Amino acid sequence: MRGPLGPTRAIERFFAPQPMQALVVCRIGFGLILFVSYAAKLPRFQMLFGPDGVGGSASLERSVLADVWTPLAGPFGLLRYVPSSELVWLLAGVVLAASLCFALGFRTRTAGVIALLLHLLFHARNEYAFYGWAVMMKPYMLYVILAPVGRYASIDAWLRRRRDGTPAPRQWIGPAVPLRLLQVHLCTMYAVAGWARLTDPGWLGGEMLFVALTDRRFARLDFDWYPYKTWLTAASYWAFVAEPLAPFLLWIKWVGAFWALGLMSLHLGLELFANVGWWQYMMMTGLVAFLPPDWVAAAFPSLRRPSS
């Protein structure tokens, strides 16, 4: 009887209700990433997304890209045909408001859905205005929206307590499926990115980090990295090992927590020296899902245990 019950119990534990601290952090992080990324585009918003911009409805016939520009996202390519710049500005204001409300937890699920839908429209309108992070943000946002993250550390929770007079919950528990979807998707990303490097000569030779830091398209600093090439080779091999092993080691208790911290340090280092949009911030936020709940709970005053 023991043998058959083992996998069953493991599956039950896997899908049992889980602490929501990590997804609350993801709600705040993903919402702020969307807000700041769109706010940074405001000075050239019409050029990127407006009717007179790249591939827009007004310039489509005379654009040099007219023959090759296609609405890659099917029905989400509607903004490509919008003739009103005022409407584009209105939608810009809505996506900023919705993403900020999602981060703060005000009308959380509604704000998240609106922010995600508008992000789908703007990304389909001009995918070249974003780096690859904008694609991955879509499912990550969806998983967080599915979770009851508006109940905790949010304006919604504060308003509910004022209205009903109920104390703040000491435990943040919710369904496991959104958290597991995010974790599995993160591991899938590392598997696809990491395993592809196992046959890449540049990664096998430990040269890729040096190449990235000296590539003017992505490098943040105009700096002579050649004297530090040995250290960069060692760092390249760390990335070469860390990402392919992540889909396995992240699930092992304690090993997974420290492996997640190691991956965070990798992404932080890349962010300091290379510019690839908001990719690193998004990944560091998502990796919180693999940290012990007690570690994450320490960031929230309402969950801290009172001292004796």
C-alpha atoms as a PDB file:
ATOM      1  CA  MET A   1       0.000   0.000   0.000  1.00  0.00           C
ATOM      2  CA  ARG A   2       2.864   2.393   0.680  1.00  0.00           C
ATOM      3  CA  GLY A   3       4.233   2.500  -2.832  1.00  0.00           C
ATOM      4  CA  PRO A   4       1.081   3.692  -4.663  1.00  0.00           C
ATOM      5  CA  LEU A   5       0.303   6.213  -1.907  1.00  0.00           C
ATOM      6  CA  GLY A   6       3.659   7.977  -2.211  1.00  0.00           C
ATOM      7  CA  PRO A   7       3.080   9.651  -5.595  1.00  0.00           C
ATOM      8  CA  THR A   8      -0.522  10.392  -4.663  1.00  0.00           C
ATOM      9  CA  ARG A   9       0.502  12.204  -1.517  1.00  0.00           C
ATOM     10  CA  ALA A  10       3.202  14.090  -3.398  1.00  0.00           C
ATOM     11  CA  ILE A  11       0.637  15.275  -5.957  1.00  0.00           C
ATOM     12  CA  GLU A  12      -1.748  16.273  -3.187  1.00  0.00           C
ATOM     13  CA  ARG A  13       0.983  18.290  -1.476  1.00  0.00           C
ATOM     14  CA  PHE A  14       1.951  19.869  -4.792  1.00  0.00           C
ATOM     15  CA  PHE A  15      -1.602  21.117  -5.380  1.00  0.00           C
ATOM     16  CA  ALA A  16      -2.496  21.838  -1.751  1.00  0.00           C
ATOM     17  CA  PRO A  17      -3.243  25.499  -0.869  1.00  0.00           C
ATOM     18  CA  GLN A  18      -0.034  27.527  -0.806  1.00  0.00           C
ATOM     19  CA  PRO A  19       1.223  30.738   0.829  1.00  0.00           C
ATOM     20  CA  MET A  20       0.532  33.737  -1.372  1.00  0.00           C
ATOM     21  CA  GLN A  21       3.451  35.957  -0.317  1.00  0.00           C
ATOM     22  CA  ALA A  22       5.466  35.292  -3.471  1.00  0.00           C
ATOM     23  CA  LEU A  23       2.546  36.047  -5.781  1.00  0.00           C
ATOM     24  CA  VAL A  24       1.830  39.269  -3.873  1.00  0.00           C
ATOM     25  CA  VAL A  25       5.442  40.299  -4.550  1.00  0.00           C
ATOM     26  CA  CYS A  26       4.902  39.374  -8.213  1.00  0.00           C
ATOM     27  CA  ARG A  27       1.729  41.472  -8.317  1.00  0.00           C
ATOM     28  CA  ILE A  28       3.647  44.491  -7.057  1.00  0.00           C
ATOM     29  CA  GLY A  29       6.713  43.817  -9.215  1.00  0.00           C
ATOM     30  CA  PHE A  30       4.984  42.991 -12.489  1.00  0.00           C
ATOM     31  CA  GLY A  31       2.576  45.904 -12.098  1.00  0.00           C
ATOM     32  CA  LEU A  32       5.419  48.362 -11.500  1.00  0.00           C
ATOM     33  CA  ILE A  33       7.439  46.958 -14.411  1.00  0.00           C
ATOM     34  CA  LEU A  34       4.532  47.547 -16.781  1.00  0.00           C
ATOM     35  CA  PHE A  35       3.880  51.008 -15.353  1.00  0.00           C
ATOM     36  CA  VAL A  36       7.488  52.224 -15.563  1.00  0.00           C
ATOM     37  CA  SER A  37       8.107  50.648 -18.984  1.00  0.00           C
ATOM     38  CA  TYR A  38       5.109  52.404 -20.542  1.00  0.00           C
ATOM     39  CA  ALA A  39       5.820  55.661 -18.691  1.00  0.00           C
ATOM     40  CA  ALA A  40       9.344  55.657 -20.150  1.00  0.00           C
ATOM     41  CA  LYS A  41       7.861  55.409 -23.659  1.00  0.00           C
ATOM     42  CA  LEU A  42       5.597  58.447 -23.291  1.00  0.00           C
ATOM     43  CA  PRO A  43       7.963  60.934 -25.032  1.00  0.00           C
ATOM     44  CA  ARG A  44       7.835  58.801 -28.210  1.00  0.00           C
ATOM     45  CA  PHE A  45       4.530  57.053 -27.667  1.00  0.00           C
ATOM     46  CA  GLN A  46       2.889  58.299 -30.849  1.00  0.00           C
ATOM     47  CA  MET A  47       5.921  57.357 -32.908  1.00  0.00           C
ATOM     48  CA  LEU A  48       5.844  53.841 -31.492  1.00  0.00           C
ATOM     49  CA  PHE A  49       2.086  53.229 -31.354  1.00  0.00           C
ATOM     50  CA  GLY A  50       0.240  56.152 -32.976  1.00  0.00           C
ATOM     51  CA  PRO A  51      -1.437  56.247 -36.396  1.00  0.00           C
ATOM     52  CA  ASP A  52       1.415  58.322 -37.839  1.00  0.00           C
ATOM     53  CA  GLY A  53       4.036  56.145 -36.235  1.00  0.00           C
ATOM     54  CA  VAL A  54       5.859  53.063 -37.440  1.00  0.00           C
ATOM     55  CA  GLY A  55       3.467  50.938 -39.458  1.00  0.00           C
ATOM     56  CA  GLY A  56       0.451  52.953 -38.302  1.00  0.00           C
ATOM     57  CA  SER A  57      -2.820  53.336 -40.158  1.00  0.00           C
ATOM     58  CA  ALA A  58      -1.984  56.823 -41.465  1.00  0.00           C
ATOM     59  CA  SER A  59       1.477  55.917 -42.718  1.00  0.00           C
ATOM     60  CA  LEU A  60       0.856  52.325 -43.698  1.00  0.00           C
ATOM     61  CA  GLU A  61       0.530  52.921 -47.434  1.00  0.00           C
ATOM     62  CA  ARG A  62       3.647  55.040 -47.692  1.00  0.00           C
ATOM     63  CA  SER A  63       5.762  53.184 -45.112  1.00  0.00           C
ATOM     64  CA  VAL A  64       8.814  51.330 -46.352  1.00  0.00           C
ATOM     65  CA  LEU A  65       7.742  48.561 -43.991  1.00  0.00           C
ATOM     66  CA  ALA A  66       4.293  48.246 -45.544  1.00  0.00           C
ATOM     67  CA  ASP A  67       5.158  45.102 -47.481  1.00  0.00           C
ATOM     68  CA  VAL A  68       6.679  43.245 -44.543  1.00  0.00           C
ATOM     69  CA  TRP A  69       4.784  44.584 -41.531  1.00  0.00           C
ATOM     70  CA  THR A  70       2.173  42.063 -40.394  1.00  0.00           C
ATOM     71  CA  PRO A  71      -0.112  41.945 -37.351  1.00  0.00           C
ATOM     72  CA  LEU A  72       1.687  39.042 -35.694  1.00  0.00           C
ATOM     73  CA  ALA A  73      -0.819  38.660 -32.879  1.00  0.00           C
ATOM     74  CA  GLY A  74      -3.960  38.214 -34.975  1.00  0.00           C
ATOM     75  CA  PRO A  75      -6.956  39.927 -33.362  1.00  0.00           C
ATOM     76  CA  PHE A  76      -4.702  41.814 -30.956  1.00  0.00           C
ATOM     77  CA  GLY A  77      -3.301  43.823 -33.878  1.00  0.00           C
ATOM     78  CA  LEU A  78      -6.307  46.165 -33.821  1.00  0.00           C
ATOM     79  CA  LEU A  79      -4.325  49.258 -32.808  1.00  0.00           C
ATOM     80  CA  ARG A  80      -2.501  49.077 -36.108  1.00  0.00           C
ATOM     81  CA  TYR A  81      -5.667  50.369 -37.798  1.00  0.00           C
ATOM     82  CA  VAL A  82      -6.736  53.014 -35.253  1.00  0.00           C
ATOM     83  CA  PRO A  83      -6.746  56.434 -36.990  1.00  0.00           C
ATOM     84  CA  SER A  84      -7.028  58.567 -33.824  1.00  0.00           C
ATOM     85  CA  SER A  85      -3.943  59.700 -31.932  1.00  0.00           C
ATOM     86  CA  GLU A  86      -6.227  60.925 -29.145  1.00  0.00           C
ATOM     87  CA  LEU A  87      -7.503  57.387 -28.628  1.00  0.00           C
ATOM     88  CA  VAL A  88      -3.932  56.124 -28.458  1.00  0.00           C
ATOM     89  CA  TRP A  89      -3.164  58.710 -25.756  1.00  0.00           C
ATOM     90  CA  LEU A  90      -6.302  57.657 -23.873  1.00  0.00           C
ATOM     91  CA  LEU A  91      -5.262  54.011 -23.953  1.00  0.00           C
ATOM     92  CA  ALA A  92      -1.784  55.002 -22.798  1.00  0.00           C
ATOM     93  CA  GLY A  93      -3.301  56.668 -19.758  1.00  0.00           C
ATOM     94  CA  VAL A  94      -5.499  53.631 -19.077  1.00  0.00           C
ATOM     95  CA  VAL A  95      -2.612  51.137 -19.230  1.00  0.00           C
ATOM     96  CA  LEU A  96      -0.575  53.339 -16.877  1.00  0.00           C
ATOM     97  CA  ALA A  97      -3.453  53.680 -14.419  1.00  0.00           C
ATOM     98  CA  ALA A  98      -4.388  49.999 -14.587  1.00  0.00           C
ATOM     99  CA  SER A  99      -0.839  48.708 -14.104  1.00  0.00           C
ATOM    100  CA  LEU A 100      -0.274  51.051 -11.148  1.00  0.00           C
ATOM    101  CA  CYS A 101      -3.604  50.042  -9.578  1.00  0.00           C
ATOM    102  CA  PHE A 102      -2.654  46.394 -10.035  1.00  0.00           C
ATOM    103  CA  ALA A 103       0.661  46.959  -8.267  1.00  0.00           C
ATOM    104  CA  LEU A 104      -1.036  48.810  -5.402  1.00  0.00           C
ATOM    105  CA  GLY A 105      -3.892  46.326  -5.216  1.00  0.00           C
ATOM    106  CA  PHE A 106      -6.799  48.641  -6.009  1.00  0.00           C
ATOM    107  CA  ARG A 107      -9.613  46.820  -7.819  1.00  0.00           C
ATOM    108  CA  THR A 108      -6.844  44.297  -8.235  1.00  0.00           C
ATOM    109  CA  ARG A 109      -8.224  41.690 -10.606  1.00  0.00           C
ATOM    110  CA  THR A 110     -10.074  44.191 -12.806  1.00  0.00           C
ATOM    111  CA  ALA A 111      -7.002  46.416 -13.029  1.00  0.00           C
ATOM    112  CA  GLY A 112      -4.809  43.414 -13.850  1.00  0.00           C
ATOM    113  CA  VAL A 113      -7.090  42.232 -16.637  1.00  0.00           C
ATOM    114  CA  ILE A 114      -7.235  45.719 -18.193  1.00  0.00           C
ATOM    115  CA  ALA A 115      -3.460  46.164 -17.945  1.00  0.00           C
ATOM    116  CA  LEU A 116      -2.834  42.747 -19.507  1.00  0.00           C
ATOM    117  CA  LEU A 117      -5.290  43.279 -22.377  1.00  0.00           C
ATOM    118  CA  LEU A 118      -3.837  46.684 -23.243  1.00  0.00           C
ATOM    119  CA  HIS A 119      -0.322  45.268 -23.027  1.00  0.00           C
ATOM    120  CA  LEU A 120      -1.410  42.615 -25.544  1.00  0.00           C
ATOM    121  CA  LEU A 121      -2.716  45.345 -27.863  1.00  0.00           C
ATOM    122  CA  PHE A 122       0.350  47.573 -27.613  1.00  0.00           C
ATOM    123  CA  HIS A 123       2.755  44.686 -28.042  1.00  0.00           C
ATOM    124  CA  ALA A 124       0.890  43.479 -31.126  1.00  0.00           C
ATOM    125  CA  ARG A 125       0.852  47.054 -32.446  1.00  0.00           C
ATOM    126  CA  ASN A 126       4.658  47.298 -32.366  1.00  0.00           C
ATOM    127  CA  GLU A 127       6.580  44.352 -30.986  1.00  0.00           C
ATOM    128  CA  TYR A 128       9.858  46.105 -31.893  1.00  0.00           C
ATOM    129  CA  ALA A 129       9.199  48.676 -29.146  1.00  0.00           C
ATOM    130  CA  PHE A 130       9.915  45.960 -26.580  1.00  0.00           C
ATOM    131  CA  TYR A 131      12.545  43.382 -25.800  1.00  0.00           C
ATOM    132  CA  GLY A 132      11.658  39.731 -25.238  1.00  0.00           C
ATOM    133  CA  TRP A 133      10.435  40.416 -21.704  1.00  0.00           C
ATOM    134  CA  ALA A 134       7.166  41.790 -23.039  1.00  0.00           C
ATOM    135  CA  VAL A 135       6.221  38.377 -24.432  1.00  0.00           C
ATOM    136  CA  MET A 136       6.960  36.531 -21.196  1.00  0.00           C
ATOM    137  CA  MET A 137       5.131  39.128 -19.129  1.00  0.00           C
ATOM    138  CA  LYS A 138       1.794  38.079 -20.647  1.00  0.00           C
ATOM    139  CA  PRO A 139       1.496  34.593 -19.094  1.00  0.00           C
ATOM    140  CA  TYR A 140       3.252  35.696 -15.902  1.00  0.00           C
ATOM    141  CA  MET A 141       0.669  38.443 -15.415  1.00  0.00           C
ATOM    142  CA  LEU A 142      -2.150  35.991 -16.154  1.00  0.00           C
ATOM    143  CA  TYR A 143      -0.994  33.566 -13.453  1.00  0.00           C
ATOM    144  CA  VAL A 144      -0.854  36.345 -10.863  1.00  0.00           C
ATOM    145  CA  ILE A 145      -4.267  37.683 -11.865  1.00  0.00           C
ATOM    146  CA  LEU A 146      -5.763  34.210 -11.338  1.00  0.00           C
ATOM    147  CA  ALA A 147      -4.527  34.179  -7.727  1.00  0.00           C
ATOM    148  CA  PRO A 148      -6.319  36.026  -4.878  1.00  0.00           C
ATOM    149  CA  VAL A 149      -3.462  38.512  -4.538  1.00  0.00           C
ATOM    150  CA  GLY A 150      -5.815  41.436  -3.962  1.00  0.00           C
ATOM    151  CA  ARG A 151      -6.663  40.114  -0.515  1.00  0.00           C
ATOM    152  CA  TYR A 152      -3.234  40.870   0.917  1.00  0.00           C
ATOM    153  CA  ALA A 153      -0.967  43.927   1.176  1.00  0.00           C
ATOM    154  CA  SER A 154      -3.336  45.912  -1.015  1.00  0.00           C
ATOM    155  CA  ILE A 155      -5.623  48.919  -1.013  1.00  0.00           C
ATOM    156  CA  ASP A 156      -8.523  46.486  -1.522  1.00  0.00           C
ATOM    157  CA  ALA A 157      -7.624  44.658   1.705  1.00  0.00           C
ATOM    158  CA  TRP A 158      -7.277  47.946   3.591  1.00  0.00           C
ATOM    159  CA  LEU A 159     -10.672  49.160   2.345  1.00  0.00           C
ATOM    160  CA  ARG A 160     -12.239  45.815   3.269  1.00  0.00           C
ATOM    161  CA  ARG A 161     -10.855  46.010   6.799  1.00  0.00           C
ATOM    162  CA  ARG A 162     -12.161  49.547   7.223  1.00  0.00           C
ATOM    163  CA  ARG A 163     -15.572  48.561   5.933  1.00  0.00           C
ATOM    164  CA  ASP A 164     -15.967  45.285   7.830  1.00  0.00           C
ATOM    165  CA  GLY A 165     -13.725  45.933  10.837  1.00  0.00           C
ATOM    166  CA  THR A 166     -11.912  42.619  10.340  1.00  0.00           C
ATOM    167  CA  PRO A 167      -8.246  42.314  11.372  1.00  0.00           C
ATOM    168  CA  ALA A 168      -5.508  41.657   8.845  1.00  0.00           C
ATOM    169  CA  PRO A 169      -5.021  37.911   8.233  1.00  0.00           C
ATOM    170  CA  ARG A 170      -1.954  36.351   9.841  1.00  0.00           C
ATOM    171  CA  GLN A 171      -1.670  33.780   7.067  1.00  0.00           C
ATOM    172  CA  TRP A 172      -1.883  34.396   3.344  1.00  0.00           C
ATOM    173  CA  ILE A 173      -3.155  31.194   1.758  1.00  0.00           C
ATOM    174  CA  GLY A 174      -4.604  30.602  -1.690  1.00  0.00           C
ATOM    175  CA  PRO A 175      -4.970  27.989  -4.429  1.00  0.00           C
ATOM    176  CA  ALA A 176      -1.735  26.396  -5.593  1.00  0.00           C
ATOM    177  CA  VAL A 177      -2.421  26.339  -9.339  1.00  0.00           C
ATOM    178  CA  PRO A 178      -1.406  29.972 -10.155  1.00  0.00           C
ATOM    179  CA  LEU A 179       1.818  29.621  -8.175  1.00  0.00           C
ATOM    180  CA  ARG A 180       2.653  26.271  -9.764  1.00  0.00           C
ATOM    181  CA  LEU A 181       1.943  27.596 -13.254  1.00  0.00           C
ATOM    182  CA  LEU A 182       4.371  30.460 -12.679  1.00  0.00           C
ATOM    183  CA  GLN A 183       7.026  28.127 -11.275  1.00  0.00           C
ATOM    184  CA  VAL A 184       6.686  25.617 -14.119  1.00  0.00           C
ATOM    185  CA  HIS A 185       6.798  28.385 -16.727  1.00  0.00           C
ATOM    186  CA  LEU A 186       9.960  29.837 -15.188  1.00  0.00           C
ATOM    187  CA  CYS A 187      11.590  26.413 -15.299  1.00  0.00           C
ATOM    188  CA  THR A 188      10.492  25.933 -18.897  1.00  0.00           C
ATOM    189  CA  MET A 189      12.096  29.241 -19.837  1.00  0.00           C
ATOM    190  CA  TYR A 190      15.381  28.254 -18.200  1.00  0.00           C
ATOM    191  CA  ALA A 191      15.247  24.843 -19.879  1.00  0.00           C
ATOM    192  CA  VAL A 192      14.750  26.324 -23.350  1.00  0.00           C
ATOM    193  CA  ALA A 193      17.350  29.070 -22.870  1.00  0.00           C
ATOM    194  CA  GLY A 194      19.869  26.994 -20.953  1.00  0.00           C
ATOM    195  CA  TRP A 195      19.843  23.744 -22.872  1.00  0.00           C
ATOM    196  CA  ALA A 196      20.225  25.563 -26.181  1.00  0.00           C
ATOM    197  CA  ARG A 197      23.600  26.814 -24.943  1.00  0.00           C
ATOM    198  CA  LEU A 198      25.028  23.343 -24.414  1.00  0.00           C
ATOM    199  CA  THR A 199      25.987  23.118 -28.089  1.00  0.00           C
ATOM    200  CA  ASP A 200      26.834  26.805 -28.628  1.00  0.00           C
ATOM    201  CA  PRO A 201      30.585  27.327 -29.252  1.00  0.00           C
ATOM    202  CA  GLY A 202      30.494  30.789 -27.683  1.00  0.00           C
ATOM    203  CA  TRP A 203      29.074  29.486 -24.413  1.00  0.00           C
ATOM    204  CA  LEU A 204      31.282  26.396 -24.445  1.00  0.00           C
ATOM    205  CA  GLY A 205      34.298  28.685 -24.771  1.00  0.00           C
ATOM    206  CA  GLY A 206      33.134  31.007 -21.973  1.00  0.00           C
ATOM    207  CA  GLU A 207      33.120  34.039 -24.273  1.00  0.00           C
ATOM    208  CA  MET A 208      29.492  35.140 -24.265  1.00  0.00           C
ATOM    209  CA  LEU A 209      29.551  37.508 -21.294  1.00  0.00           C
ATOM    210  CA  PHE A 210      32.610  39.290 -22.683  1.00  0.00           C
ATOM    211  CA  VAL A 211      30.845  39.570 -26.050  1.00  0.00           C
ATOM    212  CA  ALA A 212      27.683  40.959 -24.420  1.00  0.00           C
ATOM    213  CA  LEU A 213      29.557  43.590 -22.412  1.00  0.00           C
ATOM    214  CA  THR A 214      31.481  44.794 -25.459  1.00  0.00           C
ATOM    215  CA  ASP A 215      28.482  44.842 -27.815  1.00  0.00           C
ATOM    216  CA  ARG A 216      27.457  48.505 -28.160  1.00  0.00           C
ATOM    217  CA  ARG A 217      23.840  47.504 -28.811  1.00  0.00           C
ATOM    218  CA  PHE A 218      23.449  46.218 -25.255  1.00  0.00           C
ATOM    219  CA  ALA A 219      26.424  47.361 -23.170  1.00  0.00           C
ATOM    220  CA  ARG A 220      25.706  50.047 -20.584  1.00  0.00           C
ATOM    221  CA  LEU A 221      29.340  51.064 -20.107  1.00  0.00           C
ATOM    222  CA  ASP A 222      31.973  52.127 -22.607  1.00  0.00           C
ATOM    223  CA  PHE A 223      34.736  50.266 -20.797  1.00  0.00           C
ATOM    224  CA  ASP A 224      37.766  48.175 -21.633  1.00  0.00           C
ATOM    225  CA  TRP A 225      36.781  44.722 -20.352  1.00  0.00           C
ATOM    226  CA  TYR A 226      39.717  42.858 -21.859  1.00  0.00           C
ATOM    227  CA  PRO A 227      41.892  42.898 -18.668  1.00  0.00           C
ATOM    228  CA  TYR A 228      38.966  41.215 -16.861  1.00  0.00           C
ATOM    229  CA  LYS A 229      38.302  38.586 -19.482  1.00  0.00           C
ATOM    230  CA  THR A 230      39.316  35.727 -17.158  1.00  0.00           C
ATOM    231  CA  TRP A 231      36.734  36.793 -14.578  1.00  0.00           C
ATOM    232  CA  LEU A 232      34.113  37.230 -17.278  1.00  0.00           C
ATOM    233  CA  THR A 233      34.859  33.731 -18.536  1.00  0.00           C
ATOM    234  CA  ALA A 234      34.231  32.337 -15.045  1.00  0.00           C
ATOM    235  CA  ALA A 235      30.970  34.300 -14.821  1.00  0.00           C
ATOM    236  CA  SER A 236      29.940  32.996 -18.249  1.00  0.00           C
ATOM    237  CA  TYR A 237      30.443  29.432 -17.075  1.00  0.00           C
ATOM    238  CA  TRP A 238      28.298  30.170 -14.008  1.00  0.00           C
ATOM    239  CA  ALA A 239      25.458  31.243 -16.307  1.00  0.00           C
ATOM    240  CA  PHE A 240      26.205  28.261 -18.544  1.00  0.00           C
ATOM    241  CA  VAL A 241      25.664  25.910 -15.576  1.00  0.00           C
ATOM    242  CA  ALA A 242      23.030  27.797 -13.556  1.00  0.00           C
ATOM    243  CA  GLU A 243      20.273  28.028 -16.135  1.00  0.00           C
ATOM    244  CA  PRO A 244      20.247  24.443 -17.540  1.00  0.00           C
ATOM    245  CA  LEU A 245      20.221  23.024 -13.994  1.00  0.00           C
ATOM    246  CA  ALA A 246      17.538  25.410 -12.739  1.00  0.00           C
ATOM    247  CA  PRO A 247      14.538  23.288 -13.891  1.00  0.00           C
ATOM    248  CA  PHE A 248      15.787  20.489 -11.612  1.00  0.00           C
ATOM    249  CA  LEU A 249      17.453  22.188  -8.652  1.00  0.00           C
ATOM    250  CA  LEU A 250      14.839  24.893  -8.065  1.00  0.00           C
ATOM    251  CA  TRP A 251      12.390  22.216  -6.856  1.00  0.00           C
ATOM    252  CA  ILE A 252      14.719  20.783  -4.198  1.00  0.00           C
ATOM    253  CA  LYS A 253      14.072  22.227  -0.750  1.00  0.00           C
ATOM    254  CA  TRP A 254      16.773  24.672   0.426  1.00  0.00           C
ATOM    255  CA  VAL A 255      18.929  23.886  -2.590  1.00  0.00           C
ATOM    256  CA  GLY A 256      16.226  25.511  -4.700  1.00  0.00           C
ATOM    257  CA  ALA A 257      16.110  28.592  -2.486  1.00  0.00           C
ATOM    258  CA  PHE A 258      19.837  29.228  -2.764  1.00  0.00           C
ATOM    259  CA  TRP A 259      19.806  28.367  -6.472  1.00  0.00           C
ATOM    260  CA  ALA A 260      17.079  30.984  -6.928  1.00  0.00           C
ATOM    261  CA  LEU A 261      19.254  33.517  -5.093  1.00  0.00           C
ATOM    262  CA  GLY A 262      22.153  32.594  -7.362  1.00  0.00           C
ATOM    263  CA  LEU A 263      20.009  33.156 -10.435  1.00  0.00           C
ATOM    264  CA  MET A 264      18.870  36.488  -9.009  1.00  0.00           C
ATOM    265  CA  SER A 265      22.494  37.522  -8.610  1.00  0.00           C
ATOM    266  CA  LEU A 266      23.105  36.497 -12.218  1.00  0.00           C
ATOM    267  CA  HIS A 267      20.204  38.628 -13.461  1.00  0.00           C
ATOM    268  CA  LEU A 268      21.231  41.547 -11.256  1.00  0.00           C
ATOM    269  CA  GLY A 269      24.762  41.446 -12.622  1.00  0.00           C
ATOM    270  CA  LEU A 270      23.467  41.382 -16.186  1.00  0.00           C
ATOM    271  CA  GLU A 271      21.185  44.325 -15.448  1.00  0.00           C
ATOM    272  CA  LEU A 272      24.062  46.390 -14.070  1.00  0.00           C
ATOM    273  CA  PHE A 273      26.166  46.022 -17.201  1.00  0.00           C
ATOM    274  CA  ALA A 274      23.819  45.172 -20.092  1.00  0.00           C
ATOM    275  CA  ASN A 275      20.554  46.693 -21.297  1.00  0.00           C
ATOM    276  CA  VAL A 276      17.901  44.224 -22.448  1.00  0.00           C
ATOM    277  CA  GLY A 277      14.824  46.068 -21.298  1.00  0.00           C
ATOM    278  CA  TRP A 278      12.987  44.869 -18.209  1.00  0.00           C
ATOM    279  CA  TRP A 279      13.872  41.217 -18.652  1.00  0.00           C
ATOM    280  CA  GLN A 280      16.154  40.947 -15.604  1.00  0.00           C
ATOM    281  CA  TYR A 281      13.709  42.671 -13.256  1.00  0.00           C
ATOM    282  CA  MET A 282      10.898  40.408 -14.435  1.00  0.00           C
ATOM    283  CA  MET A 283      12.957  37.258 -13.876  1.00  0.00           C
ATOM    284  CA  MET A 284      14.186  38.353 -10.440  1.00  0.00           C
ATOM    285  CA  THR A 285      10.588  39.045  -9.433  1.00  0.00           C
ATOM    286  CA  GLY A 286       9.375  35.682 -10.711  1.00  0.00           C
ATOM    287  CA  LEU A 287      12.144  33.782  -8.921  1.00  0.00           C
ATOM    288  CA  VAL A 288      10.669  34.914  -5.595  1.00  0.00           C
ATOM    289  CA  ALA A 289       8.191  32.051  -6.168  1.00  0.00           C
ATOM    290  CA  PHE A 290      11.009  29.617  -5.298  1.00  0.00           C
ATOM    291  CA  LEU A 291      12.050  31.288  -2.029  1.00  0.00           C
ATOM    292  CA  PRO A 292      10.777  29.928   1.312  1.00  0.00           C
ATOM    293  CA  PRO A 293       7.513  31.681   2.279  1.00  0.00           C
ATOM    294  CA  ASP A 294       8.982  32.703   5.646  1.00  0.00           C
ATOM    295  CA  TRP A 295      11.747  34.619   3.875  1.00  0.00           C
ATOM    296  CA  VAL A 296       9.231  36.475   1.725  1.00  0.00           C
ATOM    297  CA  ALA A 297       6.867  37.061   4.655  1.00  0.00           C
ATOM    298  CA  ALA A 298       9.610  39.019   6.425  1.00  0.00           C
ATOM    299  CA  ALA A 299       9.074  41.813   3.887  1.00  0.00           C
ATOM    300  CA  PHE A 300       5.485  42.391   5.072  1.00  0.00           C
ATOM    301  CA  PRO A 301       4.947  43.989   8.520  1.00  0.00           C
ATOM    302  CA  SER A 302       1.566  42.311   9.055  1.00  0.00           C
ATOM    303  CA  LEU A 303       3.177  38.873   8.814  1.00  0.00           C
ATOM    304  CA  ARG A 304       6.102  39.496  11.136  1.00  0.00           C
ATOM    305  CA  ARG A 305       5.855  37.666  14.412  1.00  0.00           C
ATOM    306  CA  PRO A 306       5.764  39.993  17.436  1.00  0.00           C
ATOM    307  CA  SER A 307       8.941  39.822  19.483  1.00  0.00           C
ATOM    308  CA  SER A 308       8.778  38.247  22.934  1.00  0.00           C
END
